[in-house]
Amino acid sequence: MNKVSINKVGLVFGGAFAICHAVWSLLVLASLAKPFLDFILGLHFLSFDYSVDSFSFGTAGLLVVVTAVIGYVVGCVVGWLWNLGHK
């Protein structure tokens, strides 16, 4: 196998994490987050009381940025490990 670009893997992971959390923010904005979680939790035979806070653009933006950075770091580690394992 060929080596991968650590930076590119980081960008892919960071982008994927950011997109997933942007979709989550849109679910919160559209008031669909709780029904979605109720469905997912029900599939796992879980039931408990919880609430989803009201939407905030600042919080949503921070969520997307923080998860993108975390995803980038995770991707870089995965890329580094990939290259390490394929020497």
PDB file of N, CA and C in Angstrom:
ATOM      1  N   MET A   1       0.828  -1.190   0.000  1.00  0.00           N
ATOM      2  CA  MET A   1       0.000   0.000   0.000  1.00  0.00           C
ATOM      3  C   MET A   1       0.871   1.252   0.000  1.00  0.00           C
ATOM      4  N   ASN A   2       0.329   2.291  -0.554  1.00  0.00           N
ATOM      5  CA  ASN A   2       1.046   3.565  -0.595  1.00  0.00           C
ATOM      6  C   ASN A   2       0.839   4.341   0.693  1.00  0.00           C
ATOM      7  N   LYS A   3       1.775   5.223   0.939  1.00  0.00           N
ATOM      8  CA  LYS A   3       1.621   6.135   2.064  1.00  0.00           C
ATOM      9  C   LYS A   3       0.521   7.140   1.740  1.00  0.00           C
ATOM     10  N   VAL A   4      -0.100   7.654   2.781  1.00  0.00           N
ATOM     11  CA  VAL A   4      -1.144   8.665   2.611  1.00  0.00           C
ATOM     12  C   VAL A   4      -0.612  10.008   3.100  1.00  0.00           C
ATOM     13  N   SER A   5      -1.218  11.070   2.614  1.00  0.00           N
ATOM     14  CA  SER A   5      -0.885  12.408   3.090  1.00  0.00           C
ATOM     15  C   SER A   5      -1.596  12.626   4.422  1.00  0.00           C
ATOM     16  N   ILE A   6      -0.819  12.813   5.474  1.00  0.00           N
ATOM     17  CA  ILE A   6      -1.393  13.007   6.804  1.00  0.00           C
ATOM     18  C   ILE A   6      -2.319  14.220   6.811  1.00  0.00           C
ATOM     19  N   ASN A   7      -1.911  15.288   6.131  1.00  0.00           N
ATOM     20  CA  ASN A   7      -2.731  16.494   6.081  1.00  0.00           C
ATOM     21  C   ASN A   7      -4.065  16.228   5.379  1.00  0.00           C
ATOM     22  N   LYS A   8      -4.051  15.496   4.283  1.00  0.00           N
ATOM     23  CA  LYS A   8      -5.288  15.216   3.547  1.00  0.00           C
ATOM     24  C   LYS A   8      -6.232  14.330   4.359  1.00  0.00           C
ATOM     25  N   VAL A   9      -5.686  13.338   5.040  1.00  0.00           N
ATOM     26  CA  VAL A   9      -6.531  12.489   5.888  1.00  0.00           C
ATOM     27  C   VAL A   9      -7.137  13.334   7.011  1.00  0.00           C
ATOM     28  N   GLY A  10      -6.341  14.224   7.581  1.00  0.00           N
ATOM     29  CA  GLY A  10      -6.852  15.129   8.611  1.00  0.00           C
ATOM     30  C   GLY A  10      -7.976  16.009   8.095  1.00  0.00           C
ATOM     31  N   LEU A  11      -7.812  16.526   6.887  1.00  0.00           N
ATOM     32  CA  LEU A  11      -8.856  17.371   6.301  1.00  0.00           C
ATOM     33  C   LEU A  11     -10.139  16.584   6.025  1.00  0.00           C
ATOM     34  N   VAL A  12      -9.992  15.339   5.570  1.00  0.00           N
ATOM     35  CA  VAL A  12     -11.175  14.505   5.313  1.00  0.00           C
ATOM     36  C   VAL A  12     -11.919  14.226   6.623  1.00  0.00           C
ATOM     37  N   PHE A  13     -11.187  13.803   7.644  1.00  0.00           N
ATOM     38  CA  PHE A  13     -11.822  13.529   8.932  1.00  0.00           C
ATOM     39  C   PHE A  13     -12.434  14.800   9.516  1.00  0.00           C
ATOM     40  N   GLY A  14     -11.690  15.899   9.474  1.00  0.00           N
ATOM     41  CA  GLY A  14     -12.197  17.165  10.001  1.00  0.00           C
ATOM     42  C   GLY A  14     -13.447  17.608   9.271  1.00  0.00           C
ATOM     43  N   GLY A  15     -13.450  17.470   7.941  1.00  0.00           N
ATOM     44  CA  GLY A  15     -14.640  17.827   7.162  1.00  0.00           C
ATOM     45  C   GLY A  15     -15.822  16.942   7.486  1.00  0.00           C
ATOM     46  N   ALA A  16     -15.577  15.649   7.635  1.00  0.00           N
ATOM     47  CA  ALA A  16     -16.666  14.717   7.954  1.00  0.00           C
ATOM     48  C   ALA A  16     -17.251  15.020   9.332  1.00  0.00           C
ATOM     49  N   PHE A  17     -16.391  15.252  10.314  1.00  0.00           N
ATOM     50  CA  PHE A  17     -16.873  15.595  11.660  1.00  0.00           C
ATOM     51  C   PHE A  17     -17.685  16.888  11.615  1.00  0.00           C
ATOM     52  N   ALA A  18     -17.174  17.891  10.893  1.00  0.00           N
ATOM     53  CA  ALA A  18     -17.851  19.185  10.818  1.00  0.00           C
ATOM     54  C   ALA A  18     -19.214  19.063  10.134  1.00  0.00           C
ATOM     55  N   ILE A  19     -19.282  18.309   9.052  1.00  0.00           N
ATOM     56  CA  ILE A  19     -20.554  18.139   8.335  1.00  0.00           C
ATOM     57  C   ILE A  19     -21.580  17.446   9.216  1.00  0.00           C
ATOM     58  N   CYS A  20     -21.169  16.384   9.906  1.00  0.00           N
ATOM     59  CA  CYS A  20     -22.103  15.680  10.792  1.00  0.00           C
ATOM     60  C   CYS A  20     -22.663  16.616  11.864  1.00  0.00           C
ATOM     61  N   HIS A  21     -21.819  17.442  12.429  1.00  0.00           N
ATOM     62  CA  HIS A  21     -22.282  18.337  13.484  1.00  0.00           C
ATOM     63  C   HIS A  21     -23.047  19.540  12.933  1.00  0.00           C
ATOM     64  N   ALA A  22     -22.777  19.935  11.705  1.00  0.00           N
ATOM     65  CA  ALA A  22     -23.585  20.976  11.065  1.00  0.00           C
ATOM     66  C   ALA A  22     -24.997  20.438  10.816  1.00  0.00           C
ATOM     67  N   VAL A  23     -25.092  19.171  10.401  1.00  0.00           N
ATOM     68  CA  VAL A  23     -26.411  18.547  10.211  1.00  0.00           C
ATOM     69  C   VAL A  23     -27.137  18.475  11.549  1.00  0.00           C
ATOM     70  N   TRP A  24     -26.428  18.100  12.602  1.00  0.00           N
ATOM     71  CA  TRP A  24     -27.043  18.067  13.928  1.00  0.00           C
ATOM     72  C   TRP A  24     -27.575  19.458  14.305  1.00  0.00           C
ATOM     73  N   SER A  25     -26.777  20.496  14.056  1.00  0.00           N
ATOM     74  CA  SER A  25     -27.221  21.864  14.362  1.00  0.00           C
ATOM     75  C   SER A  25     -28.477  22.224  13.580  1.00  0.00           C
ATOM     76  N   LEU A  26     -28.548  21.797  12.323  1.00  0.00           N
ATOM     77  CA  LEU A  26     -29.747  22.051  11.524  1.00  0.00           C
ATOM     78  C   LEU A  26     -30.957  21.303  12.083  1.00  0.00           C
ATOM     79  N   LEU A  27     -30.741  20.094  12.590  1.00  0.00           N
ATOM     80  CA  LEU A  27     -31.834  19.355  13.231  1.00  0.00           C
ATOM     81  C   LEU A  27     -32.344  20.098  14.462  1.00  0.00           C
ATOM     82  N   VAL A  28     -31.434  20.665  15.237  1.00  0.00           N
ATOM     83  CA  VAL A  28     -31.834  21.445  16.406  1.00  0.00           C
ATOM     84  C   VAL A  28     -32.600  22.690  15.955  1.00  0.00           C
ATOM     85  N   LEU A  29     -32.101  23.375  14.944  1.00  0.00           N
ATOM     86  CA  LEU A  29     -32.761  24.573  14.420  1.00  0.00           C
ATOM     87  C   LEU A  29     -34.169  24.259  13.930  1.00  0.00           C
ATOM     88  N   ALA A  30     -34.345  23.112  13.281  1.00  0.00           N
ATOM     89  CA  ALA A  30     -35.645  22.730  12.723  1.00  0.00           C
ATOM     90  C   ALA A  30     -36.538  22.020  13.744  1.00  0.00           C
ATOM     91  N   SER A  31     -36.103  21.949  14.991  1.00  0.00           N
ATOM     92  CA  SER A  31     -36.846  21.264  16.059  1.00  0.00           C
ATOM     93  C   SER A  31     -37.082  19.786  15.752  1.00  0.00           C
ATOM     94  N   LEU A  32     -36.152  19.175  15.052  1.00  0.00           N
ATOM     95  CA  LEU A  32     -36.247  17.753  14.716  1.00  0.00           C
ATOM     96  C   LEU A  32     -35.251  16.900  15.512  1.00  0.00           C
ATOM     97  N   ALA A  33     -34.441  17.530  16.348  1.00  0.00           N
ATOM     98  CA  ALA A  33     -33.399  16.802  17.061  1.00  0.00           C
ATOM     99  C   ALA A  33     -33.989  15.819  18.076  1.00  0.00           C
ATOM    100  N   LYS A  34     -34.961  16.267  18.859  1.00  0.00           N
ATOM    101  CA  LYS A  34     -35.543  15.375  19.877  1.00  0.00           C
ATOM    102  C   LYS A  34     -36.266  14.200  19.246  1.00  0.00           C
ATOM    103  N   PRO A  35     -37.122  14.396  18.227  1.00  0.00           N
ATOM    104  CA  PRO A  35     -37.739  13.218  17.600  1.00  0.00           C
ATOM    105  C   PRO A  35     -36.706  12.256  17.002  1.00  0.00           C
ATOM    106  N   PHE A  36     -35.626  12.815  16.434  1.00  0.00           N
ATOM    107  CA  PHE A  36     -34.570  11.971  15.878  1.00  0.00           C
ATOM    108  C   PHE A  36     -33.908  11.145  16.982  1.00  0.00           C
ATOM    109  N   LEU A  37     -33.556  11.806  18.088  1.00  0.00           N
ATOM    110  CA  LEU A  37     -32.934  11.080  19.201  1.00  0.00           C
ATOM    111  C   LEU A  37     -33.894  10.068  19.811  1.00  0.00           C
ATOM    112  N   ASP A  38     -35.174  10.426  19.929  1.00  0.00           N
ATOM    113  CA  ASP A  38     -36.160   9.474  20.444  1.00  0.00           C
ATOM    114  C   ASP A  38     -36.192   8.213  19.582  1.00  0.00           C
ATOM    115  N   PHE A  39     -36.140   8.396  18.272  1.00  0.00           N
ATOM    116  CA  PHE A  39     -36.143   7.260  17.350  1.00  0.00           C
ATOM    117  C   PHE A  39     -34.889   6.406  17.528  1.00  0.00           C
ATOM    118  N   ILE A  40     -33.713   7.051  17.527  1.00  0.00           N
ATOM    119  CA  ILE A  40     -32.447   6.325  17.656  1.00  0.00           C
ATOM    120  C   ILE A  40     -32.353   5.610  19.001  1.00  0.00           C
ATOM    121  N   LEU A  41     -32.735   6.299  20.076  1.00  0.00           N
ATOM    122  CA  LEU A  41     -32.679   5.678  21.394  1.00  0.00           C
ATOM    123  C   LEU A  41     -33.659   4.514  21.489  1.00  0.00           C
ATOM    124  N   GLY A  42     -34.828   4.665  20.877  1.00  0.00           N
ATOM    125  CA  GLY A  42     -35.806   3.580  20.870  1.00  0.00           C
ATOM    126  C   GLY A  42     -35.277   2.336  20.171  1.00  0.00           C
ATOM    127  N   LEU A  43     -34.513   2.530  19.103  1.00  0.00           N
ATOM    128  CA  LEU A  43     -33.905   1.394  18.414  1.00  0.00           C
ATOM    129  C   LEU A  43     -32.923   0.638  19.306  1.00  0.00           C
ATOM    130  N   HIS A  44     -32.404   1.333  20.307  1.00  0.00           N
ATOM    131  CA  HIS A  44     -31.445   0.724  21.226  1.00  0.00           C
ATOM    132  C   HIS A  44     -32.100   0.322  22.545  1.00  0.00           C
ATOM    133  N   PHE A  45     -33.431   0.313  22.566  1.00  0.00           N
ATOM    134  CA  PHE A  45     -34.205  -0.074  23.759  1.00  0.00           C
ATOM    135  C   PHE A  45     -33.908   0.835  24.946  1.00  0.00           C
ATOM    136  N   LEU A  46     -33.695   2.106  24.685  1.00  0.00           N
ATOM    137  CA  LEU A  46     -33.407   3.077  25.733  1.00  0.00           C
ATOM    138  C   LEU A  46     -34.539   4.083  25.835  1.00  0.00           C
ATOM    139  N   SER A  47     -34.836   4.457  27.056  1.00  0.00           N
ATOM    140  CA  SER A  47     -35.861   5.464  27.285  1.00  0.00           C
ATOM    141  C   SER A  47     -35.514   6.222  28.563  1.00  0.00           C
ATOM    142  N   PHE A  48     -35.360   7.521  28.443  1.00  0.00           N
ATOM    143  CA  PHE A  48     -35.128   8.356  29.615  1.00  0.00           C
ATOM    144  C   PHE A  48     -35.507   9.788  29.291  1.00  0.00           C
ATOM    145  N   ASP A  49     -35.681  10.585  30.333  1.00  0.00           N
ATOM    146  CA  ASP A  49     -36.065  11.983  30.148  1.00  0.00           C
ATOM    147  C   ASP A  49     -34.831  12.838  29.865  1.00  0.00           C
ATOM    148  N   TYR A  50     -34.921  13.670  28.845  1.00  0.00           N
ATOM    149  CA  TYR A  50     -33.850  14.593  28.500  1.00  0.00           C
ATOM    150  C   TYR A  50     -34.473  15.740  27.712  1.00  0.00           C
ATOM    151  N   SER A  51     -33.723  16.777  27.526  1.00  0.00           N
ATOM    152  CA  SER A  51     -34.216  17.893  26.722  1.00  0.00           C
ATOM    153  C   SER A  51     -33.113  18.352  25.771  1.00  0.00           C
ATOM    154  N   VAL A  52     -33.528  18.965  24.677  1.00  0.00           N
ATOM    155  CA  VAL A  52     -32.602  19.559  23.723  1.00  0.00           C
ATOM    156  C   VAL A  52     -32.747  21.068  23.878  1.00  0.00           C
ATOM    157  N   ASP A  53     -31.647  21.742  24.149  1.00  0.00           N
ATOM    158  CA  ASP A  53     -31.701  23.194  24.354  1.00  0.00           C
ATOM    159  C   ASP A  53     -32.092  23.914  23.070  1.00  0.00           C
ATOM    160  N   SER A  54     -32.465  25.166  23.230  1.00  0.00           N
ATOM    161  CA  SER A  54     -32.848  25.965  22.077  1.00  0.00           C
ATOM    162  C   SER A  54     -31.618  26.279  21.221  1.00  0.00           C
ATOM    163  N   PHE A  55     -31.853  26.529  19.948  1.00  0.00           N
ATOM    164  CA  PHE A  55     -30.778  26.770  18.989  1.00  0.00           C
ATOM    165  C   PHE A  55     -30.105  28.108  19.235  1.00  0.00           C
ATOM    166  N   SER A  56     -28.788  28.125  19.064  1.00  0.00           N
ATOM    167  CA  SER A  56     -27.996  29.345  19.151  1.00  0.00           C
ATOM    168  C   SER A  56     -26.959  29.303  18.029  1.00  0.00           C
ATOM    169  N   PHE A  57     -26.914  30.348  17.210  1.00  0.00           N
ATOM    170  CA  PHE A  57     -25.952  30.375  16.106  1.00  0.00           C
ATOM    171  C   PHE A  57     -24.511  30.315  16.612  1.00  0.00           C
ATOM    172  N   GLY A  58     -24.235  31.003  17.714  1.00  0.00           N
ATOM    173  CA  GLY A  58     -22.886  30.996  18.272  1.00  0.00           C
ATOM    174  C   GLY A  58     -22.463  29.612  18.731  1.00  0.00           C
ATOM    175  N   THR A  59     -23.363  28.939  19.444  1.00  0.00           N
ATOM    176  CA  THR A  59     -23.065  27.588  19.911  1.00  0.00           C
ATOM    177  C   THR A  59     -22.917  26.630  18.740  1.00  0.00           C
ATOM    178  N   ALA A  60     -23.778  26.762  17.738  1.00  0.00           N
ATOM    179  CA  ALA A  60     -23.703  25.890  16.560  1.00  0.00           C
ATOM    180  C   ALA A  60     -22.385  26.098  15.825  1.00  0.00           C
ATOM    181  N   GLY A  61     -21.977  27.334  15.655  1.00  0.00           N
ATOM    182  CA  GLY A  61     -20.710  27.625  14.986  1.00  0.00           C
ATOM    183  C   GLY A  61     -19.530  27.075  15.753  1.00  0.00           C
ATOM    184  N   LEU A  62     -19.554  27.263  17.074  1.00  0.00           N
ATOM    185  CA  LEU A  62     -18.473  26.747  17.910  1.00  0.00           C
ATOM    186  C   LEU A  62     -18.432  25.219  17.848  1.00  0.00           C
ATOM    187  N   LEU A  63     -19.586  24.575  17.852  1.00  0.00           N
ATOM    188  CA  LEU A  63     -19.656  23.119  17.744  1.00  0.00           C
ATOM    189  C   LEU A  63     -19.001  22.633  16.457  1.00  0.00           C
ATOM    190  N   VAL A  64     -19.317  23.274  15.354  1.00  0.00           N
ATOM    191  CA  VAL A  64     -18.774  22.861  14.061  1.00  0.00           C
ATOM    192  C   VAL A  64     -17.260  23.087  14.016  1.00  0.00           C
ATOM    193  N   VAL A  65     -16.798  24.212  14.510  1.00  0.00           N
ATOM    194  CA  VAL A  65     -15.355  24.513  14.488  1.00  0.00           C
ATOM    195  C   VAL A  65     -14.585  23.559  15.392  1.00  0.00           C
ATOM    196  N   VAL A  66     -15.071  23.359  16.607  1.00  0.00           N
ATOM    197  CA  VAL A  66     -14.364  22.487  17.556  1.00  0.00           C
ATOM    198  C   VAL A  66     -14.308  21.059  17.037  1.00  0.00           C
ATOM    199  N   THR A  67     -15.418  20.550  16.506  1.00  0.00           N
ATOM    200  CA  THR A  67     -15.408  19.180  16.003  1.00  0.00           C
ATOM    201  C   THR A  67     -14.552  19.052  14.739  1.00  0.00           C
ATOM    202  N   ALA A  68     -14.477  20.104  13.935  1.00  0.00           N
ATOM    203  CA  ALA A  68     -13.601  20.067  12.757  1.00  0.00           C
ATOM    204  C   ALA A  68     -12.141  19.964  13.192  1.00  0.00           C
ATOM    205  N   VAL A  69     -11.760  20.720  14.207  1.00  0.00           N
ATOM    206  CA  VAL A  69     -10.381  20.668  14.704  1.00  0.00           C
ATOM    207  C   VAL A  69     -10.087  19.295  15.302  1.00  0.00           C
ATOM    208  N   ILE A  70     -11.014  18.782  16.102  1.00  0.00           N
ATOM    209  CA  ILE A  70     -10.822  17.450  16.691  1.00  0.00           C
ATOM    210  C   ILE A  70     -10.734  16.399  15.583  1.00  0.00           C
ATOM    211  N   GLY A  71     -11.603  16.501  14.592  1.00  0.00           N
ATOM    212  CA  GLY A  71     -11.567  15.567  13.475  1.00  0.00           C
ATOM    213  C   GLY A  71     -10.261  15.639  12.716  1.00  0.00           C
ATOM    214  N   TYR A  72      -9.740  16.850  12.531  1.00  0.00           N
ATOM    215  CA  TYR A  72      -8.462  17.014  11.847  1.00  0.00           C
ATOM    216  C   TYR A  72      -7.347  16.301  12.618  1.00  0.00           C
ATOM    217  N   VAL A  73      -7.316  16.501  13.926  1.00  0.00           N
ATOM    218  CA  VAL A  73      -6.285  15.860  14.755  1.00  0.00           C
ATOM    219  C   VAL A  73      -6.431  14.339  14.698  1.00  0.00           C
ATOM    220  N   VAL A  74      -7.660  13.844  14.826  1.00  0.00           N
ATOM    221  CA  VAL A  74      -7.889  12.393  14.746  1.00  0.00           C
ATOM    222  C   VAL A  74      -7.443  11.871  13.383  1.00  0.00           C
ATOM    223  N   GLY A  75      -7.778  12.583  12.318  1.00  0.00           N
ATOM    224  CA  GLY A  75      -7.364  12.171  10.982  1.00  0.00           C
ATOM    225  C   GLY A  75      -5.858  12.149  10.819  1.00  0.00           C
ATOM    226  N   CYS A  76      -5.187  13.134  11.373  1.00  0.00           N
ATOM    227  CA  CYS A  76      -3.723  13.153  11.298  1.00  0.00           C
ATOM    228  C   CYS A  76      -3.121  11.958  12.031  1.00  0.00           C
ATOM    229  N   VAL A  77      -3.679  11.625  13.177  1.00  0.00           N
ATOM    230  CA  VAL A  77      -3.197  10.457  13.925  1.00  0.00           C
ATOM    231  C   VAL A  77      -3.454   9.181  13.121  1.00  0.00           C
ATOM    232  N   VAL A  78      -4.635   9.050  12.526  1.00  0.00           N
ATOM    233  CA  VAL A  78      -4.955   7.878  11.712  1.00  0.00           C
ATOM    234  C   VAL A  78      -3.995   7.797  10.520  1.00  0.00           C
ATOM    235  N   GLY A  79      -3.759   8.912   9.852  1.00  0.00           N
ATOM    236  CA  GLY A  79      -2.832   8.940   8.726  1.00  0.00           C
ATOM    237  C   GLY A  79      -1.421   8.566   9.132  1.00  0.00           C
ATOM    238  N   TRP A  80      -0.984   9.086  10.260  1.00  0.00           N
ATOM    239  CA  TRP A  80       0.352   8.766  10.761  1.00  0.00           C
ATOM    240  C   TRP A  80       0.452   7.277  11.075  1.00  0.00           C
ATOM    241  N   LEU A  81      -0.582   6.730  11.763  1.00  0.00           N
ATOM    242  CA  LEU A  81      -0.574   5.303  12.080  1.00  0.00           C
ATOM    243  C   LEU A  81      -0.614   4.452  10.814  1.00  0.00           C
ATOM    244  N   TRP A  82      -1.386   4.899   9.823  1.00  0.00           N
ATOM    245  CA  TRP A  82      -1.454   4.176   8.545  1.00  0.00           C
ATOM    246  C   TRP A  82      -0.053   4.085   7.921  1.00  0.00           C
ATOM    247  N   ASN A  83       0.597   5.233   7.837  1.00  0.00           N
ATOM    248  CA  ASN A  83       1.942   5.266   7.254  1.00  0.00           C
ATOM    249  C   ASN A  83       2.927   4.447   8.077  1.00  0.00           C
ATOM    250  N   LEU A  84       2.780   4.487   9.383  1.00  0.00           N
ATOM    251  CA  LEU A  84       3.659   3.722  10.271  1.00  0.00           C
ATOM    252  C   LEU A  84       3.483   2.217  10.036  1.00  0.00           C
ATOM    253  N   GLY A  85       2.241   1.802   9.819  1.00  0.00           N
ATOM    254  CA  GLY A  85       1.955   0.396   9.615  1.00  0.00           C
ATOM    255  C   GLY A  85       2.284  -0.109   8.231  1.00  0.00           C
ATOM    256  N   HIS A  86       2.536   0.807   7.292  1.00  0.00           N
ATOM    257  CA  HIS A  86       2.809   0.412   5.909  1.00  0.00           C
ATOM    258  C   HIS A  86       4.226   0.779   5.466  1.00  0.00           C
ATOM    259  N   LYS A  87       5.145   0.741   6.411  1.00  0.00           N
ATOM    260  CA  LYS A  87       6.550   1.022   6.072  1.00  0.00           C
ATOM    261  C   LYS A  87       7.154  -0.182   5.400  1.00  0.00           C
TER     262      LYS A  87
END
